[in-house]
């Protein structure tokens, strides 16, 4: 019984470590307005919600929309407000972002499979 418990604890901590690594990577991308770094993980179709845009977009469309946002809202301070996993294997990170034009919450929802992270949704809200 004990080995199964140890295995479960180790597996859970490794899963959380992976979630934490992705969360930190996304934090750095947002802090540096590195849209290309984020776009590497975009799913083929991504749900995107920004001030003025809301819908499903292709990778290239989403990249253009996020670039437009960062060109007009340059981050000055970014911190992780929350991060975690859902029961269906999805993961998220919520970033509190101060920009030259106000504060925004940026939520990034992604899934990791075969050690590859795919962003499925990004919400940017004032």
C-alpha atoms as a PDB file:
ATOM      1  CA  UNK A   1       0.000   0.000   0.000  1.00  0.00           C
ATOM      2  CA  UNK A   2       2.729   2.450   0.940  1.00  0.00           C
ATOM      3  CA  UNK A   3       4.554   2.210  -2.435  1.00  0.00           C
ATOM      4  CA  UNK A   4       1.305   3.141  -4.235  1.00  0.00           C
ATOM      5  CA  UNK A   5       0.895   6.199  -2.005  1.00  0.00           C
ATOM      6  CA  UNK A   6       4.513   7.235  -2.595  1.00  0.00           C
ATOM      7  CA  UNK A   7       4.066   6.768  -6.357  1.00  0.00           C
ATOM      8  CA  UNK A   8       0.903   8.908  -6.308  1.00  0.00           C
ATOM      9  CA  UNK A   9       2.617  11.697  -4.347  1.00  0.00           C
ATOM     10  CA  UNK A  10       5.676  11.692  -6.641  1.00  0.00           C
ATOM     11  CA  UNK A  11       3.492  11.666  -9.767  1.00  0.00           C
ATOM     12  CA  UNK A  12       1.345  14.538  -8.468  1.00  0.00           C
ATOM     13  CA  UNK A  13       4.389  16.619  -7.564  1.00  0.00           C
ATOM     14  CA  UNK A  14       5.953  16.029 -10.989  1.00  0.00           C
ATOM     15  CA  UNK A  15       2.702  17.047 -12.683  1.00  0.00           C
ATOM     16  CA  UNK A  16       2.546  20.217 -10.593  1.00  0.00           C
ATOM     17  CA  UNK A  17       6.206  20.928 -11.325  1.00  0.00           C
ATOM     18  CA  UNK A  18       5.436  20.750 -15.047  1.00  0.00           C
ATOM     19  CA  UNK A  19       2.470  23.067 -14.574  1.00  0.00           C
ATOM     20  CA  UNK A  20       4.694  25.444 -12.628  1.00  0.00           C
ATOM     21  CA  UNK A  21       7.382  25.416 -15.342  1.00  0.00           C
ATOM     22  CA  UNK A  22       4.835  26.294 -18.030  1.00  0.00           C
ATOM     23  CA  UNK A  23       3.288  28.975 -15.810  1.00  0.00           C
ATOM     24  CA  UNK A  24       6.710  30.560 -15.258  1.00  0.00           C
ATOM     25  CA  UNK A  25       7.509  30.386 -18.973  1.00  0.00           C
ATOM     26  CA  UNK A  26       4.213  32.083 -19.862  1.00  0.00           C
ATOM     27  CA  UNK A  27       4.886  34.717 -17.190  1.00  0.00           C
ATOM     28  CA  UNK A  28       8.230  35.533 -18.850  1.00  0.00           C
ATOM     29  CA  UNK A  29       6.610  35.691 -22.286  1.00  0.00           C
ATOM     30  CA  UNK A  30       3.988  38.168 -21.080  1.00  0.00           C
ATOM     31  CA  UNK A  31       6.523  40.205 -19.086  1.00  0.00           C
ATOM     32  CA  UNK A  32       8.703  40.540 -22.208  1.00  0.00           C
ATOM     33  CA  UNK A  33       5.782  40.897 -24.672  1.00  0.00           C
ATOM     34  CA  UNK A  34       7.213  37.770 -26.341  1.00  0.00           C
ATOM     35  CA  UNK A  35       4.271  36.827 -28.539  1.00  0.00           C
ATOM     36  CA  UNK A  36       6.379  34.375 -30.568  1.00  0.00           C
ATOM     37  CA  UNK A  37       7.241  32.508 -27.355  1.00  0.00           C
ATOM     38  CA  UNK A  38       3.558  32.197 -26.491  1.00  0.00           C
ATOM     39  CA  UNK A  39       2.546  31.361 -30.062  1.00  0.00           C
ATOM     40  CA  UNK A  40       4.893  28.335 -30.105  1.00  0.00           C
ATOM     41  CA  UNK A  41       2.396  26.656 -27.767  1.00  0.00           C
ATOM     42  CA  UNK A  42      -0.816  27.808 -29.494  1.00  0.00           C
ATOM     43  CA  UNK A  43      -3.212  25.038 -30.462  1.00  0.00           C
ATOM     44  CA  UNK A  44      -4.295  25.053 -34.130  1.00  0.00           C
ATOM     45  CA  UNK A  45      -7.464  26.858 -33.050  1.00  0.00           C
ATOM     46  CA  UNK A  46      -7.428  29.075 -29.984  1.00  0.00           C
ATOM     47  CA  UNK A  47     -10.252  30.779 -28.103  1.00  0.00           C
ATOM     48  CA  UNK A  48      -9.217  34.347 -27.486  1.00  0.00           C
ATOM     49  CA  UNK A  49     -10.848  37.147 -25.540  1.00  0.00           C
ATOM     50  CA  UNK A  50      -9.218  40.582 -25.444  1.00  0.00           C
ATOM     51  CA  UNK A  51     -10.684  44.076 -25.144  1.00  0.00           C
ATOM     52  CA  UNK A  52     -12.415  44.403 -28.515  1.00  0.00           C
ATOM     53  CA  UNK A  53     -11.948  40.815 -29.759  1.00  0.00           C
ATOM     54  CA  UNK A  54     -13.669  37.599 -28.748  1.00  0.00           C
ATOM     55  CA  UNK A  55     -13.851  34.319 -30.635  1.00  0.00           C
ATOM     56  CA  UNK A  56     -11.975  31.356 -32.048  1.00  0.00           C
ATOM     57  CA  UNK A  57      -8.911  32.141 -34.144  1.00  0.00           C
ATOM     58  CA  UNK A  58      -6.155  30.350 -36.035  1.00  0.00           C
ATOM     59  CA  UNK A  59      -2.607  30.438 -34.655  1.00  0.00           C
ATOM     60  CA  UNK A  60      -1.572  33.287 -36.959  1.00  0.00           C
ATOM     61  CA  UNK A  61      -4.720  35.335 -36.277  1.00  0.00           C
ATOM     62  CA  UNK A  62      -4.294  34.871 -32.513  1.00  0.00           C
ATOM     63  CA  UNK A  63      -0.635  35.852 -32.753  1.00  0.00           C
ATOM     64  CA  UNK A  64      -1.589  39.079 -34.577  1.00  0.00           C
ATOM     65  CA  UNK A  65      -4.291  39.931 -32.024  1.00  0.00           C
ATOM     66  CA  UNK A  66      -1.975  39.317 -29.041  1.00  0.00           C
ATOM     67  CA  UNK A  67       0.783  41.344 -30.763  1.00  0.00           C
ATOM     68  CA  UNK A  68      -1.650  44.214 -31.245  1.00  0.00           C
ATOM     69  CA  UNK A  69      -2.588  44.079 -27.567  1.00  0.00           C
ATOM     70  CA  UNK A  70       1.052  44.159 -26.382  1.00  0.00           C
ATOM     71  CA  UNK A  71       1.945  46.930 -28.848  1.00  0.00           C
ATOM     72  CA  UNK A  72      -0.750  49.054 -27.202  1.00  0.00           C
ATOM     73  CA  UNK A  73      -0.387  47.779 -23.616  1.00  0.00           C
ATOM     74  CA  UNK A  74       3.274  47.400 -22.745  1.00  0.00           C
ATOM     75  CA  UNK A  75       3.668  45.311 -19.535  1.00  0.00           C
ATOM     76  CA  UNK A  76       5.496  47.058 -16.702  1.00  0.00           C
ATOM     77  CA  UNK A  77       4.877  44.446 -13.978  1.00  0.00           C
ATOM     78  CA  UNK A  78       3.572  40.881 -14.170  1.00  0.00           C
ATOM     79  CA  UNK A  79       2.996  38.363 -11.391  1.00  0.00           C
ATOM     80  CA  UNK A  80       1.311  34.990 -11.070  1.00  0.00           C
ATOM     81  CA  UNK A  81      -2.008  35.410  -9.253  1.00  0.00           C
ATOM     82  CA  UNK A  82      -3.056  31.759  -9.479  1.00  0.00           C
ATOM     83  CA  UNK A  83      -2.184  28.520 -11.240  1.00  0.00           C
ATOM     84  CA  UNK A  84      -3.425  24.966 -11.136  1.00  0.00           C
ATOM     85  CA  UNK A  85      -4.959  21.950 -12.795  1.00  0.00           C
ATOM     86  CA  UNK A  86      -8.485  20.794 -13.491  1.00  0.00           C
ATOM     87  CA  UNK A  87      -9.745  17.241 -13.118  1.00  0.00           C
ATOM     88  CA  UNK A  88      -9.786  16.749 -16.906  1.00  0.00           C
ATOM     89  CA  UNK A  89      -6.046  17.404 -17.231  1.00  0.00           C
ATOM     90  CA  UNK A  90      -6.297  21.039 -18.233  1.00  0.00           C
ATOM     91  CA  UNK A  91      -4.005  23.552 -16.594  1.00  0.00           C
ATOM     92  CA  UNK A  92      -4.155  27.311 -16.150  1.00  0.00           C
ATOM     93  CA  UNK A  93      -2.173  30.304 -15.029  1.00  0.00           C
ATOM     94  CA  UNK A  94      -3.662  33.688 -14.169  1.00  0.00           C
ATOM     95  CA  UNK A  95      -1.325  36.652 -14.489  1.00  0.00           C
ATOM     96  CA  UNK A  96      -1.908  40.084 -12.926  1.00  0.00           C
ATOM     97  CA  UNK A  97      -0.429  42.453 -15.441  1.00  0.00           C
ATOM     98  CA  UNK A  98       0.228  46.167 -15.015  1.00  0.00           C
ATOM     99  CA  UNK A  99       0.680  47.947 -18.337  1.00  0.00           C
ATOM    100  CA  UNK A 100       1.255  51.502 -19.472  1.00  0.00           C
ATOM    101  CA  UNK A 101      -2.545  51.680 -20.006  1.00  0.00           C
ATOM    102  CA  UNK A 102      -3.937  50.003 -16.887  1.00  0.00           C
ATOM    103  CA  UNK A 103      -4.126  46.662 -15.130  1.00  0.00           C
ATOM    104  CA  UNK A 104      -5.271  43.427 -16.778  1.00  0.00           C
ATOM    105  CA  UNK A 105      -5.833  39.833 -15.743  1.00  0.00           C
ATOM    106  CA  UNK A 106      -4.465  37.443 -18.338  1.00  0.00           C
ATOM    107  CA  UNK A 107      -5.672  33.855 -18.014  1.00  0.00           C
ATOM    108  CA  UNK A 108      -3.978  31.150 -20.069  1.00  0.00           C
ATOM    109  CA  UNK A 109      -5.589  27.708 -20.311  1.00  0.00           C
ATOM    110  CA  UNK A 110      -3.494  24.847 -21.704  1.00  0.00           C
ATOM    111  CA  UNK A 111      -3.074  21.090 -21.797  1.00  0.00           C
ATOM    112  CA  UNK A 112       0.122  19.086 -21.654  1.00  0.00           C
ATOM    113  CA  UNK A 113       0.365  15.754 -23.445  1.00  0.00           C
ATOM    114  CA  UNK A 114       3.490  13.845 -24.423  1.00  0.00           C
ATOM    115  CA  UNK A 115       5.440  16.639 -22.666  1.00  0.00           C
ATOM    116  CA  UNK A 116       4.087  19.177 -25.184  1.00  0.00           C
ATOM    117  CA  UNK A 117       2.043  22.129 -23.978  1.00  0.00           C
ATOM    118  CA  UNK A 118      -0.811  23.470 -26.127  1.00  0.00           C
ATOM    119  CA  UNK A 119      -2.583  26.721 -25.271  1.00  0.00           C
ATOM    120  CA  UNK A 120      -6.312  26.423 -25.976  1.00  0.00           C
ATOM    121  CA  UNK A 121      -7.594  29.699 -24.546  1.00  0.00           C
ATOM    122  CA  UNK A 122      -6.357  33.133 -23.504  1.00  0.00           C
ATOM    123  CA  UNK A 123      -8.554  35.696 -21.742  1.00  0.00           C
ATOM    124  CA  UNK A 124      -7.395  39.262 -21.222  1.00  0.00           C
ATOM    125  CA  UNK A 125      -9.714  41.302 -18.993  1.00  0.00           C
ATOM    126  CA  UNK A 126      -9.447  44.749 -17.464  1.00  0.00           C
END
